[in-house]
């Protein structure tokens, strides 16, 4: 079996202090980012498209017979 590398495995040619500094830098960078509670504006056309797709998915999820019949008919054409 091949061994997989983890974050604690040393990188050849790189000192351990450089790895620790890199990890500390990543942690510090993540702490600086605060979650935003602002609403993202969604265009009306996108909202309509998403609503239509969700509606079609729910309808064909509950009643798939028309979609299955259409797919069966389409296979007879070829």
N, C-alpha and C. Protein backbone atom coordinates (compact mmCIF):
# COMPACT_ATOMS: atom_id res chain seq x y z
N UNK A 1 0.83 -1.19 0.00
CA UNK A 1 0.00 0.00 0.00
C UNK A 1 0.87 1.25 0.00
N UNK A 2 0.43 2.26 -0.69
CA UNK A 2 1.17 3.51 -0.74
C UNK A 2 0.76 4.39 0.42
N UNK A 3 1.74 5.05 1.01
CA UNK A 3 1.46 5.95 2.12
C UNK A 3 0.99 7.29 1.57
N UNK A 4 0.06 7.90 2.23
CA UNK A 4 -0.41 9.22 1.80
C UNK A 4 0.22 10.28 2.67
N UNK A 5 0.47 11.43 2.08
CA UNK A 5 1.09 12.53 2.81
C UNK A 5 0.02 13.28 3.59
N UNK A 6 0.39 13.72 4.77
CA UNK A 6 -0.50 14.54 5.59
C UNK A 6 0.14 15.90 5.78
N UNK A 7 -0.60 16.80 6.42
CA UNK A 7 -0.08 18.15 6.65
C UNK A 7 1.12 18.14 7.57
N UNK A 8 1.25 17.13 8.42
CA UNK A 8 2.36 17.10 9.35
C UNK A 8 3.61 16.43 8.77
N UNK A 9 3.51 15.82 7.60
CA UNK A 9 4.66 15.19 6.98
C UNK A 9 5.62 16.26 6.48
N UNK A 10 6.92 16.05 6.70
CA UNK A 10 7.88 17.06 6.23
C UNK A 10 7.99 17.06 4.71
N UNK A 11 8.19 18.24 4.16
CA UNK A 11 8.40 18.37 2.73
C UNK A 11 9.91 18.32 2.51
N UNK A 12 10.39 17.47 1.60
CA UNK A 12 11.84 17.38 1.38
C UNK A 12 12.40 18.72 0.95
N UNK A 13 13.48 19.13 1.59
CA UNK A 13 14.16 20.37 1.25
C UNK A 13 13.59 21.60 1.92
N UNK A 14 12.55 21.46 2.72
CA UNK A 14 11.97 22.62 3.39
C UNK A 14 12.12 22.44 4.89
N UNK A 15 12.67 23.46 5.56
CA UNK A 15 12.84 23.34 7.01
C UNK A 15 11.49 23.28 7.73
N UNK A 16 11.50 22.61 8.88
CA UNK A 16 10.26 22.44 9.66
C UNK A 16 9.73 23.78 10.13
N UNK A 17 10.62 24.75 10.39
CA UNK A 17 10.15 26.07 10.84
C UNK A 17 9.38 26.79 9.73
N UNK A 18 9.76 26.56 8.48
CA UNK A 18 9.05 27.18 7.37
C UNK A 18 7.65 26.58 7.24
N UNK A 19 7.54 25.29 7.48
CA UNK A 19 6.22 24.66 7.44
C UNK A 19 5.34 25.20 8.55
N UNK A 20 5.87 25.32 9.74
CA UNK A 20 5.10 25.84 10.87
C UNK A 20 4.68 27.27 10.61
N UNK A 21 5.55 28.06 10.00
CA UNK A 21 5.21 29.45 9.69
C UNK A 21 4.11 29.50 8.64
N UNK A 22 4.16 28.59 7.67
CA UNK A 22 3.12 28.55 6.65
C UNK A 22 1.77 28.19 7.23
N UNK A 23 1.74 27.24 8.16
CA UNK A 23 0.49 26.86 8.81
C UNK A 23 -0.03 28.02 9.64
N UNK A 24 0.87 28.69 10.38
CA UNK A 24 0.46 29.84 11.19
C UNK A 24 -0.10 30.95 10.30
N UNK A 25 0.51 31.15 9.14
CA UNK A 25 0.03 32.18 8.22
C UNK A 25 -1.36 31.83 7.70
N UNK A 26 -1.61 30.56 7.37
CA UNK A 26 -2.93 30.15 6.91
C UNK A 26 -3.98 30.34 7.99
N UNK A 27 -3.66 29.99 9.21
CA UNK A 27 -4.60 30.14 10.31
C UNK A 27 -4.89 31.62 10.55
N UNK A 28 -3.86 32.45 10.51
CA UNK A 28 -4.05 33.89 10.71
C UNK A 28 -4.89 34.49 9.59
N UNK A 29 -4.69 34.03 8.36
CA UNK A 29 -5.45 34.54 7.23
C UNK A 29 -6.92 34.17 7.36
N UNK A 30 -7.22 32.98 7.86
CA UNK A 30 -8.60 32.56 8.02
C UNK A 30 -9.28 33.33 9.14
N UNK A 31 -8.53 33.73 10.17
CA UNK A 31 -9.12 34.49 11.26
C UNK A 31 -9.49 35.90 10.84
N UNK A 32 -8.81 36.45 9.82
CA UNK A 32 -9.08 37.81 9.38
C UNK A 32 -10.38 37.93 8.61
N UNK A 33 -10.86 36.84 8.07
CA UNK A 33 -12.07 36.86 7.25
C UNK A 33 -13.29 36.69 8.14
N UNK A 34 -14.11 37.72 8.20
CA UNK A 34 -15.33 37.65 9.01
C UNK A 34 -16.51 37.36 8.10
N UNK A 35 -17.43 36.53 8.53
CA UNK A 35 -18.59 36.25 7.69
C UNK A 35 -19.45 37.50 7.52
N UNK A 36 -19.96 37.66 6.34
CA UNK A 36 -20.78 38.82 6.04
C UNK A 36 -22.25 38.44 6.14
N UNK A 37 -23.02 39.31 6.76
CA UNK A 37 -24.45 39.06 6.91
C UNK A 37 -25.27 39.85 5.88
N UNK A 38 -24.59 40.43 4.90
CA UNK A 38 -25.28 41.19 3.86
C UNK A 38 -26.00 40.23 2.92
N UNK A 39 -27.13 40.68 2.42
CA UNK A 39 -27.85 39.90 1.42
C UNK A 39 -27.22 40.14 0.07
N UNK A 40 -27.12 39.09 -0.71
CA UNK A 40 -26.57 39.19 -2.05
C UNK A 40 -27.73 39.45 -3.00
N UNK A 41 -27.66 40.52 -3.79
CA UNK A 41 -28.76 40.79 -4.71
C UNK A 41 -28.85 39.73 -5.80
N UNK A 42 -30.04 39.21 -6.02
CA UNK A 42 -30.27 38.19 -7.03
C UNK A 42 -31.16 38.80 -8.11
N UNK A 43 -30.72 38.77 -9.37
CA UNK A 43 -31.56 39.31 -10.43
C UNK A 43 -32.89 38.55 -10.53
N UNK A 44 -33.93 39.25 -10.92
CA UNK A 44 -35.27 38.64 -11.01
C UNK A 44 -35.28 37.48 -12.00
N UNK A 45 -34.58 37.62 -13.10
CA UNK A 45 -34.57 36.53 -14.10
C UNK A 45 -33.93 35.26 -13.53
N UNK A 46 -32.89 35.43 -12.71
CA UNK A 46 -32.26 34.27 -12.09
C UNK A 46 -33.19 33.62 -11.07
N UNK A 47 -33.91 34.43 -10.31
CA UNK A 47 -34.85 33.90 -9.32
C UNK A 47 -35.97 33.13 -10.02
N UNK A 48 -36.46 33.64 -11.13
CA UNK A 48 -37.51 32.96 -11.89
C UNK A 48 -36.98 31.64 -12.46
N UNK A 49 -35.78 31.67 -13.00
CA UNK A 49 -35.19 30.45 -13.57
C UNK A 49 -34.98 29.38 -12.51
N UNK A 50 -34.47 29.78 -11.35
CA UNK A 50 -34.27 28.82 -10.27
C UNK A 50 -35.59 28.27 -9.75
N UNK A 51 -36.59 29.13 -9.63
CA UNK A 51 -37.91 28.68 -9.20
C UNK A 51 -38.53 27.70 -10.19
N UNK A 52 -38.39 28.00 -11.47
CA UNK A 52 -38.93 27.12 -12.51
C UNK A 52 -38.23 25.76 -12.50
N UNK A 53 -36.91 25.77 -12.37
CA UNK A 53 -36.17 24.51 -12.31
C UNK A 53 -36.55 23.69 -11.08
N UNK A 54 -36.69 24.35 -9.95
CA UNK A 54 -37.09 23.64 -8.73
C UNK A 54 -38.49 23.06 -8.87
N UNK A 55 -39.40 23.82 -9.47
CA UNK A 55 -40.77 23.34 -9.66
C UNK A 55 -40.81 22.12 -10.58
N UNK A 56 -40.10 22.18 -11.69
CA UNK A 56 -40.06 21.05 -12.63
C UNK A 56 -39.45 19.82 -11.95
N UNK A 57 -38.41 20.02 -11.17
CA UNK A 57 -37.78 18.90 -10.47
C UNK A 57 -38.74 18.25 -9.49
N UNK A 58 -39.47 19.05 -8.74
CA UNK A 58 -40.42 18.50 -7.76
C UNK A 58 -41.57 17.78 -8.48
N UNK A 59 -42.10 18.40 -9.54
CA UNK A 59 -43.23 17.79 -10.26
C UNK A 59 -42.83 16.45 -10.86
N UNK A 60 -41.68 16.39 -11.56
CA UNK A 60 -41.27 15.13 -12.17
C UNK A 60 -40.74 14.15 -11.12
N UNK A 61 -40.37 14.63 -9.95
CA UNK A 61 -39.99 13.73 -8.86
C UNK A 61 -41.20 13.03 -8.28
N UNK A 62 -42.32 13.75 -8.22
CA UNK A 62 -43.54 13.16 -7.67
C UNK A 62 -44.33 12.37 -8.72
N UNK A 63 -44.28 12.82 -9.96
CA UNK A 63 -45.05 12.19 -11.03
C UNK A 63 -44.15 12.04 -12.27
N UNK A 64 -43.29 11.01 -12.32
CA UNK A 64 -42.31 10.88 -13.40
C UNK A 64 -42.83 10.24 -14.69
N UNK A 65 -44.07 9.76 -14.70
CA UNK A 65 -44.57 9.01 -15.86
C UNK A 65 -44.46 9.79 -17.18
N UNK A 66 -44.84 11.09 -17.26
CA UNK A 66 -44.71 11.78 -18.55
C UNK A 66 -43.28 11.84 -19.06
N UNK A 67 -42.35 12.04 -18.16
CA UNK A 67 -40.95 12.12 -18.57
C UNK A 67 -40.44 10.75 -19.03
N UNK A 68 -40.84 9.70 -18.35
CA UNK A 68 -40.43 8.35 -18.74
C UNK A 68 -41.06 7.96 -20.08
N UNK A 69 -42.33 8.30 -20.28
CA UNK A 69 -42.99 8.01 -21.56
C UNK A 69 -42.31 8.76 -22.70
N UNK A 70 -41.95 10.01 -22.46
CA UNK A 70 -41.26 10.79 -23.49
C UNK A 70 -39.91 10.16 -23.83
N UNK A 71 -39.16 9.73 -22.82
CA UNK A 71 -37.86 9.11 -23.06
C UNK A 71 -38.03 7.80 -23.82
N UNK A 72 -39.05 7.03 -23.51
CA UNK A 72 -39.29 5.78 -24.22
C UNK A 72 -39.65 6.05 -25.67
N UNK A 73 -40.49 7.05 -25.92
CA UNK A 73 -40.85 7.40 -27.29
C UNK A 73 -39.66 7.89 -28.09
N UNK A 74 -38.77 8.62 -27.44
CA UNK A 74 -37.60 9.15 -28.12
C UNK A 74 -36.66 8.02 -28.54
N UNK A 75 -36.59 6.94 -27.78
CA UNK A 75 -35.71 5.84 -28.16
C UNK A 75 -36.25 5.11 -29.38
N UNK A 76 -37.55 5.16 -29.62
CA UNK A 76 -38.13 4.47 -30.78
C UNK A 76 -37.82 5.20 -32.09
N UNK A 77 -37.41 6.48 -32.00
CA UNK A 77 -37.10 7.25 -33.20
C UNK A 77 -35.77 6.85 -33.80
N UNK A 78 -34.90 6.25 -33.01
CA UNK A 78 -33.56 5.95 -33.52
C UNK A 78 -33.35 4.48 -33.66
